[in-house]
Amino acid sequence: MTEAFIRKKPGMASVKDMPLLQDGPPPGGFAPVRYTRRIPTKGPSAVAIFLTALGAFSYGLYEVGKGNKIRRALKDEKYTARMAILPLLQAEEDERFSKEWRKYLDYEAEVMKDVPGWKVGESVYNSGRWMPPASGELRPDVW
């Protein structure tokens, strides 16, 4: 297609004879040009995230507090039970110690029967105070 056919002016001799045709905006104007950066808001806001984290943290501390109360109650129960059974355990240990001490004294009397002036069961340290042996056995080297 020729320019003359497009402009509906047949037989034009020069470009200067062509009528002016300037592009313009469409009726109602062009759509606005977006020149700013707009990041889409996907997901929860910062306030919602903060409040959710705060709620989760608070709930966690609440559960820890409940667990501490339960653990403290169990610890008190165990302590009370041990205090209640302590006299029985002490009596059994005293009975065991008496039997072992009697065996030890018999053994000492048998071994030291030929030593003049030896008193069975008398402490060689002469401190005047009776102290039970620190370990569970009276004389580990003897038995």
C-alpha atoms as a PDB file:
ATOM      1  CA  MET A   1       0.000   0.000   0.000  1.00  0.00           C
ATOM      2  CA  THR A   2       1.153   3.390  -0.802  1.00  0.00           C
ATOM      3  CA  GLU A   3       1.154   6.478   1.326  1.00  0.00           C
ATOM      4  CA  ALA A   4      -1.292   8.175  -1.001  1.00  0.00           C
ATOM      5  CA  PHE A   5      -3.793   5.397  -0.610  1.00  0.00           C
ATOM      6  CA  ILE A   6      -3.487   5.465   3.189  1.00  0.00           C
ATOM      7  CA  ARG A   7      -3.992   9.237   3.402  1.00  0.00           C
ATOM      8  CA  LYS A   8      -6.795   9.166   0.848  1.00  0.00           C
ATOM      9  CA  LYS A   9      -5.218  11.860  -1.229  1.00  0.00           C
ATOM     10  CA  PRO A  10      -4.473  10.438  -4.660  1.00  0.00           C
ATOM     11  CA  GLY A  11      -1.968  12.098  -6.924  1.00  0.00           C
ATOM     12  CA  MET A  12       0.032  14.030  -4.350  1.00  0.00           C
ATOM     13  CA  ALA A  13       3.182  15.398  -5.795  1.00  0.00           C
ATOM     14  CA  SER A  14       5.213  16.044  -2.670  1.00  0.00           C
ATOM     15  CA  VAL A  15       5.461  14.944   0.897  1.00  0.00           C
ATOM     16  CA  LYS A  16       4.856  18.547   1.833  1.00  0.00           C
ATOM     17  CA  ASP A  17       1.360  18.308   0.349  1.00  0.00           C
ATOM     18  CA  MET A  18       0.456  15.569   2.778  1.00  0.00           C
ATOM     19  CA  PRO A  19      -1.819  16.602   5.593  1.00  0.00           C
ATOM     20  CA  LEU A  20      -0.396  16.388   9.089  1.00  0.00           C
ATOM     21  CA  LEU A  21      -1.363  13.257  10.903  1.00  0.00           C
ATOM     22  CA  GLN A  22      -0.098  13.128  14.440  1.00  0.00           C
ATOM     23  CA  ASP A  23      -0.572  10.246  16.791  1.00  0.00           C
ATOM     24  CA  GLY A  24      -2.424  11.184  19.918  1.00  0.00           C
ATOM     25  CA  PRO A  25      -3.758   9.519  22.965  1.00  0.00           C
ATOM     26  CA  PRO A  26      -6.788   7.314  22.731  1.00  0.00           C
ATOM     27  CA  PRO A  27     -10.067   8.735  23.940  1.00  0.00           C
ATOM     28  CA  GLY A  28      -9.972   8.856  27.736  1.00  0.00           C
ATOM     29  CA  GLY A  29      -6.159   8.969  27.762  1.00  0.00           C
ATOM     30  CA  PHE A  30      -3.494   6.376  28.333  1.00  0.00           C
ATOM     31  CA  ALA A  31      -3.434   4.150  31.385  1.00  0.00           C
ATOM     32  CA  PRO A  32      -1.088   5.476  34.080  1.00  0.00           C
ATOM     33  CA  VAL A  33       2.482   4.271  33.834  1.00  0.00           C
ATOM     34  CA  ARG A  34       3.599   2.260  36.846  1.00  0.00           C
ATOM     35  CA  TYR A  35       7.086   3.414  37.688  1.00  0.00           C
ATOM     36  CA  THR A  36       7.289   2.499  41.405  1.00  0.00           C
ATOM     37  CA  ARG A  37       8.259  -0.921  42.737  1.00  0.00           C
ATOM     38  CA  ARG A  38       5.260  -2.629  44.230  1.00  0.00           C
ATOM     39  CA  ILE A  39       6.051  -5.843  46.078  1.00  0.00           C
ATOM     40  CA  PRO A  40       2.938  -7.934  46.518  1.00  0.00           C
ATOM     41  CA  THR A  41       1.847  -8.497  50.098  1.00  0.00           C
ATOM     42  CA  LYS A  42       1.912 -12.263  50.391  1.00  0.00           C
ATOM     43  CA  GLY A  43       1.652 -13.915  53.794  1.00  0.00           C
ATOM     44  CA  PRO A  44       0.959 -12.485  57.234  1.00  0.00           C
ATOM     45  CA  SER A  45       2.059  -9.069  58.352  1.00  0.00           C
ATOM     46  CA  ALA A  46       4.940  -8.444  60.752  1.00  0.00           C
ATOM     47  CA  VAL A  47       2.501  -7.730  63.589  1.00  0.00           C
ATOM     48  CA  ALA A  48       0.714 -11.041  63.006  1.00  0.00           C
ATOM     49  CA  ILE A  49       4.036 -12.921  63.001  1.00  0.00           C
ATOM     50  CA  PHE A  50       5.139 -11.158  66.192  1.00  0.00           C
ATOM     51  CA  LEU A  51       1.870 -11.872  67.985  1.00  0.00           C
ATOM     52  CA  THR A  52       1.958 -15.530  66.902  1.00  0.00           C
ATOM     53  CA  ALA A  53       5.539 -15.921  68.143  1.00  0.00           C
ATOM     54  CA  LEU A  54       4.656 -14.189  71.405  1.00  0.00           C
ATOM     55  CA  GLY A  55       1.679 -16.500  71.874  1.00  0.00           C
ATOM     56  CA  ALA A  56       3.758 -19.608  71.176  1.00  0.00           C
ATOM     57  CA  PHE A  57       6.465 -18.427  73.581  1.00  0.00           C
ATOM     58  CA  SER A  58       3.908 -17.673  76.291  1.00  0.00           C
ATOM     59  CA  TYR A  59       2.259 -21.073  75.869  1.00  0.00           C
ATOM     60  CA  GLY A  60       5.666 -22.766  76.061  1.00  0.00           C
ATOM     61  CA  LEU A  61       6.512 -20.982  79.305  1.00  0.00           C
ATOM     62  CA  TYR A  62       3.112 -21.952  80.696  1.00  0.00           C
ATOM     63  CA  GLU A  63       3.773 -25.622  79.889  1.00  0.00           C
ATOM     64  CA  VAL A  64       7.250 -25.432  81.424  1.00  0.00           C
ATOM     65  CA  GLY A  65       5.714 -23.962  84.576  1.00  0.00           C
ATOM     66  CA  LYS A  66       3.185 -26.789  84.757  1.00  0.00           C
ATOM     67  CA  GLY A  67       5.958 -29.330  84.283  1.00  0.00           C
ATOM     68  CA  ASN A  68       8.014 -27.699  87.040  1.00  0.00           C
ATOM     69  CA  LYS A  69       5.076 -27.928  89.455  1.00  0.00           C
ATOM     70  CA  ILE A  70       4.548 -31.617  88.648  1.00  0.00           C
ATOM     71  CA  ARG A  71       8.261 -32.373  88.945  1.00  0.00           C
ATOM     72  CA  ARG A  72       8.442 -30.500  92.263  1.00  0.00           C
ATOM     73  CA  ALA A  73       5.466 -32.473  93.596  1.00  0.00           C
ATOM     74  CA  LEU A  74       7.079 -35.778  92.568  1.00  0.00           C
ATOM     75  CA  LYS A  75      10.352 -34.724  94.177  1.00  0.00           C
ATOM     76  CA  ASP A  76       8.569 -33.830  97.428  1.00  0.00           C
ATOM     77  CA  GLU A  77       6.733 -37.169  97.356  1.00  0.00           C
ATOM     78  CA  LYS A  78       9.991 -39.064  96.876  1.00  0.00           C
ATOM     79  CA  TYR A  79      11.659 -37.095  99.685  1.00  0.00           C
ATOM     80  CA  THR A  80       8.737 -37.738 102.044  1.00  0.00           C
ATOM     81  CA  ALA A  81       8.743 -41.464 101.224  1.00  0.00           C
ATOM     82  CA  ARG A  82      12.480 -41.664 101.886  1.00  0.00           C
ATOM     83  CA  MET A  83      12.103 -39.857 105.191  1.00  0.00           C
ATOM     84  CA  ALA A  84       9.321 -42.265 106.179  1.00  0.00           C
ATOM     85  CA  ILE A  85      11.359 -45.378 105.385  1.00  0.00           C
ATOM     86  CA  LEU A  86      14.661 -44.085 106.798  1.00  0.00           C
ATOM     87  CA  PRO A  87      14.181 -45.474 110.343  1.00  0.00           C
ATOM     88  CA  LEU A  88      13.525 -48.958 108.938  1.00  0.00           C
ATOM     89  CA  LEU A  89      16.589 -48.803 106.713  1.00  0.00           C
ATOM     90  CA  GLN A  90      18.715 -47.519 109.594  1.00  0.00           C
ATOM     91  CA  ALA A  91      17.516 -50.351 111.842  1.00  0.00           C
ATOM     92  CA  GLU A  92      18.392 -52.937 109.182  1.00  0.00           C
ATOM     93  CA  GLU A  93      21.829 -51.381 108.711  1.00  0.00           C
ATOM     94  CA  ASP A  94      22.414 -51.346 112.484  1.00  0.00           C
ATOM     95  CA  GLU A  95      21.503 -55.037 112.677  1.00  0.00           C
ATOM     96  CA  ARG A  96      23.824 -55.874 109.773  1.00  0.00           C
ATOM     97  CA  PHE A  97      26.620 -53.849 111.355  1.00  0.00           C
ATOM     98  CA  SER A  98      26.179 -55.585 114.722  1.00  0.00           C
ATOM     99  CA  LYS A  99      26.458 -59.030 113.121  1.00  0.00           C
ATOM    100  CA  GLU A 100      29.532 -58.024 111.134  1.00  0.00           C
ATOM    101  CA  TRP A 101      31.116 -56.373 114.175  1.00  0.00           C
ATOM    102  CA  ARG A 102      30.544 -59.511 116.247  1.00  0.00           C
ATOM    103  CA  LYS A 103      32.188 -61.624 113.508  1.00  0.00           C
ATOM    104  CA  TYR A 104      35.094 -59.199 113.382  1.00  0.00           C
ATOM    105  CA  LEU A 105      35.581 -59.282 117.158  1.00  0.00           C
ATOM    106  CA  ASP A 106      35.500 -63.095 117.158  1.00  0.00           C
ATOM    107  CA  TYR A 107      38.106 -63.154 114.391  1.00  0.00           C
ATOM    108  CA  GLU A 108      40.252 -60.608 116.255  1.00  0.00           C
ATOM    109  CA  ALA A 109      40.055 -62.673 119.459  1.00  0.00           C
ATOM    110  CA  GLU A 110      41.113 -65.792 117.554  1.00  0.00           C
ATOM    111  CA  VAL A 111      44.055 -64.082 115.833  1.00  0.00           C
ATOM    112  CA  MET A 112      45.317 -62.138 118.872  1.00  0.00           C
ATOM    113  CA  LYS A 113      44.828 -64.876 121.527  1.00  0.00           C
ATOM    114  CA  ASP A 114      48.579 -65.342 121.942  1.00  0.00           C
ATOM    115  CA  VAL A 115      49.355 -61.621 122.450  1.00  0.00           C
ATOM    116  CA  PRO A 116      49.588 -60.727 126.154  1.00  0.00           C
ATOM    117  CA  GLY A 117      47.625 -57.645 127.262  1.00  0.00           C
ATOM    118  CA  TRP A 118      45.549 -57.436 124.055  1.00  0.00           C
ATOM    119  CA  LYS A 119      41.980 -56.348 124.641  1.00  0.00           C
ATOM    120  CA  VAL A 120      39.566 -57.428 121.920  1.00  0.00           C
ATOM    121  CA  GLY A 121      37.563 -54.561 120.359  1.00  0.00           C
ATOM    122  CA  GLU A 122      39.590 -51.796 121.980  1.00  0.00           C
ATOM    123  CA  SER A 123      40.615 -49.006 119.628  1.00  0.00           C
ATOM    124  CA  VAL A 124      44.311 -48.587 119.025  1.00  0.00           C
ATOM    125  CA  TYR A 125      43.830 -44.839 118.578  1.00  0.00           C
ATOM    126  CA  ASN A 126      42.457 -44.178 122.099  1.00  0.00           C
ATOM    127  CA  SER A 127      40.369 -41.191 121.051  1.00  0.00           C
ATOM    128  CA  GLY A 128      37.549 -41.972 123.454  1.00  0.00           C
ATOM    129  CA  ARG A 129      34.886 -41.636 120.775  1.00  0.00           C
ATOM    130  CA  TRP A 130      33.262 -44.509 118.947  1.00  0.00           C
ATOM    131  CA  MET A 131      32.983 -43.997 115.208  1.00  0.00           C
ATOM    132  CA  PRO A 132      31.410 -46.538 112.864  1.00  0.00           C
ATOM    133  CA  PRO A 133      33.504 -47.527 109.864  1.00  0.00           C
ATOM    134  CA  ALA A 134      33.144 -45.194 106.905  1.00  0.00           C
ATOM    135  CA  SER A 135      32.763 -47.958 104.338  1.00  0.00           C
ATOM    136  CA  GLY A 136      30.187 -50.744 104.193  1.00  0.00           C
ATOM    137  CA  GLU A 137      32.749 -53.360 105.183  1.00  0.00           C
ATOM    138  CA  LEU A 138      34.467 -53.475 108.523  1.00  0.00           C
ATOM    139  CA  ARG A 139      37.805 -54.816 107.360  1.00  0.00           C
ATOM    140  CA  PRO A 140      38.063 -55.373 103.611  1.00  0.00           C
ATOM    141  CA  ASP A 141      41.507 -56.921 103.975  1.00  0.00           C
ATOM    142  CA  VAL A 142      40.273 -59.568 106.424  1.00  0.00           C
ATOM    143  CA  TRP A 143      37.274 -61.003 104.630  1.00  0.00           C
END
